[in-house]
Amino acid sequence: MRPALVFSLARRVSLPVRPGCVSGLARPASSSRQSFRFFSSAESSATPGDEKPEKPAQAEAAKEETPASSGGKEKETEAAEVSFEKLKECEKKYQDASAKVKEMQDKLLRTLAEMENLRTRHRTDLDNSNKYAVAKFASSMVEVADTLELASKSIEAERLEEDTPLKTIAEGVKMTETILLKAFENHGIVKDQPEGNLFDPSFHEAMFQMEDKSKVRGTIFQVMQPGYRIHERVLRAAKVGTTTGGPAPPPPPPKEKEGK
């Protein structure tokens, strides 16, 4: 350390400074310089020839690094091949899963359609069961209606005027027939009296024919037994007699298309 610097520090801290101390402080600086010079000289004393033996070691290290680098490339290639195989496997699994999903969607749509058809059929069957629940009973009761009608027609009007009790009975029979027909109507059953209409095989049963050129061929001129219908179904076909030898009937009107 320089003496001037020591004196300046001593003045700032107000300490007495001896000249010997200053000289003592200055000595280590020279020794440190010497040691520094010795270290630097030791480093500089190394000649360039001393570094030559290191080259073979570096060459060997380079030789060792070369196979390692080639092995790393091989590993990278193998890893790439494995990744490609995994990708193909994943793609195949995805295609299989997509096919299964499509198959399940088709089955679901088919099942939904079948359920809708089943629901519609069930609703139709339920409506028909409600509408035609009395069909069997009504088919038996129409014979009662026929009997009441025949009883009313079998009594002559002249006798009714002469016999008051018989007139009362005839009126009771006629009233019973009327009540029965009204009950039929309440359940959708109507009486079919097709006299004067054209013959329809869906609702009529032809018992005999009579030639009549003045009427259209197939006209019903006599009803032997009236028919009955329950809603859109035939409960009993009417037994009728039709004409023949007349002009041909007109063609039926075209059926309207659904949705119009």
Protein backbone atom coordinates (compact mmCIF):
# COMPACT_ATOMS: atom_id res chain seq x y z
CA MET A 1 0.00 0.00 0.00
CA ARG A 2 1.30 3.42 -0.89
CA PRO A 3 2.45 5.76 1.98
CA ALA A 4 0.40 8.69 0.69
CA LEU A 5 -2.75 6.57 0.81
CA VAL A 6 -1.94 5.42 4.37
CA PHE A 7 -1.43 9.00 5.55
CA SER A 8 -4.70 10.13 3.99
CA LEU A 9 -6.60 7.31 5.69
CA ALA A 10 -4.93 8.07 9.03
CA ARG A 11 -5.90 11.70 8.84
CA ARG A 12 -9.54 10.83 8.17
CA VAL A 13 -9.77 8.48 11.16
CA SER A 14 -7.47 10.69 13.36
CA LEU A 15 -4.95 7.95 14.19
CA PRO A 16 -1.22 8.40 14.66
CA VAL A 17 0.82 6.86 11.95
CA ARG A 18 4.45 5.83 12.32
CA PRO A 19 6.84 5.83 9.43
CA GLY A 20 7.88 2.29 10.21
CA CYS A 21 4.36 1.13 9.92
CA VAL A 22 4.08 2.72 6.56
CA SER A 23 7.23 1.05 5.37
CA GLY A 24 5.99 -2.24 6.81
CA LEU A 25 2.78 -1.86 4.91
CA ALA A 26 4.58 -1.14 1.74
CA ARG A 27 6.68 -4.32 1.88
CA PRO A 28 3.95 -6.86 1.24
CA ALA A 29 3.11 -5.08 -1.95
CA SER A 30 6.53 -5.86 -3.33
CA SER A 31 6.34 -9.43 -2.16
CA SER A 32 2.91 -9.80 -3.76
CA ARG A 33 4.29 -8.42 -6.93
CA GLN A 34 7.09 -10.90 -6.76
CA SER A 35 4.71 -13.76 -6.17
CA PHE A 36 2.57 -12.60 -9.05
CA ARG A 37 5.60 -12.34 -11.19
CA PHE A 38 6.66 -15.83 -10.14
CA PHE A 39 3.23 -17.26 -10.97
CA SER A 40 3.13 -15.52 -14.28
CA SER A 41 6.61 -16.63 -15.07
CA ALA A 42 5.68 -20.18 -14.15
CA GLU A 43 2.78 -20.01 -16.54
CA SER A 44 4.90 -18.42 -19.23
CA SER A 45 7.60 -21.01 -18.71
CA ALA A 46 5.30 -23.62 -20.24
CA THR A 47 6.34 -24.13 -23.84
CA PRO A 48 4.01 -24.79 -26.78
CA GLY A 49 5.57 -28.19 -27.15
CA ASP A 50 3.97 -29.37 -23.94
CA GLU A 51 0.46 -29.27 -25.52
CA LYS A 52 1.32 -31.72 -28.30
CA PRO A 53 0.62 -34.90 -26.29
CA GLU A 54 -3.02 -33.84 -25.85
CA LYS A 55 -3.84 -34.23 -29.58
CA PRO A 56 -3.88 -38.06 -29.59
CA ALA A 57 -6.27 -38.04 -26.64
CA GLN A 58 -8.57 -35.65 -28.49
CA ALA A 59 -8.45 -37.86 -31.57
CA GLU A 60 -9.38 -40.91 -29.50
CA ALA A 61 -12.26 -38.96 -27.94
CA ALA A 62 -13.43 -37.95 -31.42
CA LYS A 63 -13.22 -41.59 -32.51
CA GLU A 64 -15.28 -42.60 -29.49
CA GLU A 65 -17.82 -39.87 -30.23
CA THR A 66 -18.30 -40.96 -33.86
CA PRO A 67 -19.81 -44.42 -33.10
CA ALA A 68 -21.91 -42.85 -30.38
CA SER A 69 -23.36 -40.36 -32.85
CA SER A 70 -24.11 -43.11 -35.38
CA GLY A 71 -25.76 -45.17 -32.64
CA GLY A 72 -27.90 -42.17 -31.70
CA LYS A 73 -29.09 -41.86 -35.31
CA GLU A 74 -30.00 -45.54 -35.36
CA LYS A 75 -31.98 -45.11 -32.15
CA GLU A 76 -33.76 -42.11 -33.61
CA THR A 77 -34.64 -44.15 -36.73
CA GLU A 78 -35.94 -47.01 -34.60
CA ALA A 79 -37.98 -44.57 -32.51
CA ALA A 80 -39.44 -43.05 -35.69
CA GLU A 81 -40.37 -46.52 -37.00
CA VAL A 82 -42.02 -47.41 -33.68
CA SER A 83 -43.94 -44.10 -33.71
CA PHE A 84 -45.13 -44.76 -37.28
CA GLU A 85 -46.29 -48.27 -36.33
CA LYS A 86 -48.14 -46.86 -33.31
CA LEU A 87 -49.74 -44.24 -35.55
CA LYS A 88 -50.93 -46.91 -37.99
CA GLU A 89 -52.27 -48.97 -35.09
CA CYS A 90 -54.10 -45.96 -33.66
CA GLU A 91 -55.52 -45.15 -37.09
CA LYS A 92 -56.82 -48.75 -37.45
CA LYS A 93 -58.40 -48.59 -33.99
CA TYR A 94 -60.03 -45.28 -34.92
CA GLN A 95 -61.45 -46.76 -38.13
CA ASP A 96 -62.78 -49.80 -36.24
CA ALA A 97 -64.34 -47.54 -33.60
CA SER A 98 -65.90 -45.33 -36.28
CA ALA A 99 -67.40 -48.38 -38.01
CA LYS A 100 -68.83 -49.62 -34.70
CA VAL A 101 -70.28 -46.18 -33.95
CA LYS A 102 -71.92 -46.07 -37.40
CA GLU A 103 -73.31 -49.57 -36.89
CA MET A 104 -74.70 -48.62 -33.49
CA GLN A 105 -76.25 -45.46 -34.96
CA ASP A 106 -77.96 -47.53 -37.66
CA LYS A 107 -79.26 -49.94 -35.04
CA LEU A 108 -80.48 -47.03 -32.93
CA LEU A 109 -82.32 -45.44 -35.85
CA ARG A 110 -83.84 -48.79 -36.82
CA THR A 111 -84.91 -49.40 -33.22
CA LEU A 112 -86.45 -45.94 -32.96
CA ALA A 113 -88.37 -46.52 -36.21
CA GLU A 114 -89.62 -49.89 -34.96
CA MET A 115 -90.67 -48.32 -31.66
CA GLU A 116 -92.55 -45.57 -33.51
CA ASN A 117 -94.31 -48.16 -35.70
CA LEU A 118 -95.13 -50.22 -32.64
CA ARG A 119 -96.48 -47.14 -30.87
CA THR A 120 -98.62 -46.23 -33.88
CA ARG A 121 -99.90 -49.80 -34.22
CA HIS A 122 -100.67 -49.95 -30.53
CA ARG A 123 -102.55 -46.65 -30.71
CA THR A 124 -104.53 -47.90 -33.72
CA ASP A 125 -105.32 -51.19 -32.01
CA LEU A 126 -106.40 -49.35 -28.89
CA ASP A 127 -108.70 -47.06 -30.89
CA ASN A 128 -110.15 -50.01 -32.80
CA SER A 129 -110.69 -51.94 -29.60
CA ASN A 130 -112.64 -49.00 -28.20
CA LYS A 131 -114.60 -48.43 -31.41
CA TYR A 132 -115.43 -52.05 -32.14
CA ALA A 133 -115.68 -53.37 -28.59
CA VAL A 134 -119.46 -53.95 -28.97
CA ALA A 135 -119.22 -55.47 -32.46
CA LYS A 136 -119.90 -59.04 -31.33
CA PHE A 137 -122.73 -58.01 -29.06
CA ALA A 138 -124.21 -55.77 -31.77
CA SER A 139 -124.09 -58.56 -34.35
CA SER A 140 -126.37 -60.55 -32.07
CA MET A 141 -128.65 -57.61 -31.33
CA VAL A 142 -129.32 -56.87 -35.02
CA GLU A 143 -131.36 -60.07 -35.13
CA VAL A 144 -133.53 -58.64 -32.35
CA ALA A 145 -133.96 -55.49 -34.43
CA ASP A 146 -134.98 -57.63 -37.44
CA THR A 147 -137.55 -59.47 -35.33
CA LEU A 148 -139.05 -56.23 -34.03
CA GLU A 149 -139.23 -54.84 -37.58
CA LEU A 150 -140.96 -57.97 -38.88
CA ALA A 151 -143.42 -57.88 -35.99
CA SER A 152 -144.33 -54.30 -36.76
CA LYS A 153 -144.83 -55.01 -40.47
CA SER A 154 -146.85 -58.17 -39.91
CA ILE A 155 -149.77 -56.37 -38.28
CA GLU A 156 -152.32 -55.02 -40.76
CA ALA A 157 -153.37 -51.43 -40.43
CA GLU A 158 -157.09 -52.33 -40.60
CA ARG A 159 -156.86 -54.62 -37.62
CA LEU A 160 -155.06 -51.92 -35.63
CA GLU A 161 -158.03 -49.61 -36.09
CA GLU A 162 -160.49 -52.27 -34.97
CA ASP A 163 -158.50 -53.78 -32.08
CA THR A 164 -157.37 -51.20 -29.57
CA PRO A 165 -155.23 -53.56 -27.39
CA LEU A 166 -153.43 -54.83 -30.51
CA LYS A 167 -152.77 -51.24 -31.53
CA THR A 168 -151.22 -50.57 -28.15
CA ILE A 169 -148.97 -53.64 -28.47
CA ALA A 170 -147.91 -52.63 -31.99
CA GLU A 171 -147.02 -49.14 -30.80
CA GLY A 172 -144.93 -50.67 -27.99
CA VAL A 173 -143.07 -52.90 -30.43
CA LYS A 174 -142.39 -49.97 -32.73
CA MET A 175 -141.16 -47.86 -29.82
CA THR A 176 -138.83 -50.66 -28.71
CA GLU A 177 -137.39 -50.91 -32.20
CA THR A 178 -136.81 -47.17 -32.28
CA ILE A 179 -135.05 -47.21 -28.90
CA LEU A 180 -132.84 -50.10 -30.02
CA LEU A 181 -131.82 -48.33 -33.22
CA LYS A 182 -131.05 -45.20 -31.20
CA ALA A 183 -128.80 -47.23 -28.92
CA PHE A 184 -127.08 -48.61 -32.02
CA GLU A 185 -126.39 -45.08 -33.27
CA ASN A 186 -124.88 -44.09 -29.93
CA HIS A 187 -122.24 -46.80 -30.48
CA GLY A 188 -121.60 -46.01 -34.14
CA ILE A 189 -123.94 -48.66 -35.55
CA VAL A 190 -126.21 -47.53 -38.40
CA LYS A 191 -128.86 -49.35 -40.38
CA ASP A 192 -128.27 -49.69 -44.13
CA GLN A 193 -131.33 -49.47 -46.42
CA PRO A 194 -129.69 -49.38 -49.91
CA GLU A 195 -132.85 -49.54 -52.02
CA GLY A 196 -132.39 -47.41 -55.18
CA ASN A 197 -128.57 -47.29 -54.84
CA LEU A 198 -126.03 -49.10 -57.00
CA PHE A 199 -124.82 -52.46 -55.88
CA ASP A 200 -121.53 -52.38 -53.91
CA PRO A 201 -120.01 -55.80 -53.14
CA SER A 202 -118.27 -54.34 -50.09
CA PHE A 203 -121.61 -53.63 -48.34
CA HIS A 204 -124.23 -55.67 -50.19
CA GLU A 205 -124.97 -59.29 -50.93
CA ALA A 206 -126.92 -59.96 -54.18
CA MET A 207 -129.54 -62.65 -53.73
CA PHE A 208 -131.21 -62.52 -57.18
CA GLN A 209 -131.45 -60.37 -60.34
CA MET A 210 -134.34 -59.05 -62.39
CA GLU A 211 -134.21 -57.61 -65.90
CA ASP A 212 -135.18 -53.96 -66.07
CA LYS A 213 -133.93 -51.90 -69.03
CA SER A 214 -135.26 -48.66 -67.58
CA LYS A 215 -132.77 -48.69 -64.73
CA VAL A 216 -129.01 -48.69 -64.64
CA ARG A 217 -127.54 -52.14 -64.49
CA GLY A 218 -126.82 -53.12 -60.88
CA THR A 219 -129.47 -50.95 -59.27
CA ILE A 220 -130.88 -52.35 -56.02
CA PHE A 221 -134.66 -52.55 -56.42
CA GLN A 222 -135.48 -54.69 -53.37
CA VAL A 223 -133.99 -55.17 -49.89
CA MET A 224 -134.67 -58.58 -48.42
CA GLN A 225 -132.70 -57.96 -45.22
CA PRO A 226 -131.23 -54.60 -44.16
CA GLY A 227 -127.55 -54.30 -43.45
CA TYR A 228 -125.69 -52.74 -40.53
CA ARG A 229 -122.39 -50.91 -40.31
CA ILE A 230 -120.27 -50.12 -37.28
CA HIS A 231 -118.10 -47.07 -38.00
CA GLU A 232 -116.06 -47.98 -41.14
CA ARG A 233 -116.68 -51.72 -40.93
CA VAL A 234 -119.53 -53.87 -42.14
CA LEU A 235 -121.38 -55.47 -39.28
CA ARG A 236 -123.72 -57.30 -41.62
CA ALA A 237 -124.10 -57.01 -45.40
CA ALA A 238 -127.54 -56.16 -46.75
CA LYS A 239 -129.25 -58.91 -48.78
CA VAL A 240 -130.65 -57.32 -51.91
CA GLY A 241 -132.02 -57.91 -55.40
CA THR A 242 -130.46 -56.06 -58.35
CA THR A 243 -131.48 -55.18 -61.92
CA THR A 244 -129.88 -56.27 -65.16
CA GLY A 245 -130.20 -55.45 -68.89
CA GLY A 246 -130.06 -51.67 -68.47
CA PRO A 247 -127.31 -49.18 -69.37
CA ALA A 248 -123.89 -49.53 -67.82
CA PRO A 249 -123.26 -47.64 -64.57
CA PRO A 250 -121.04 -44.54 -64.66
CA PRO A 251 -117.38 -44.97 -63.69
CA PRO A 252 -116.60 -44.30 -60.03
CA PRO A 253 -115.03 -40.91 -59.21
CA PRO A 254 -111.23 -40.88 -58.84
CA LYS A 255 -109.93 -41.16 -55.32
CA GLU A 256 -108.26 -38.07 -53.90
CA LYS A 257 -104.57 -38.39 -53.23
CA GLU A 258 -103.42 -38.30 -49.65
CA GLY A 259 -102.09 -34.96 -48.47
CA LYS A 260 -104.48 -32.86 -50.55
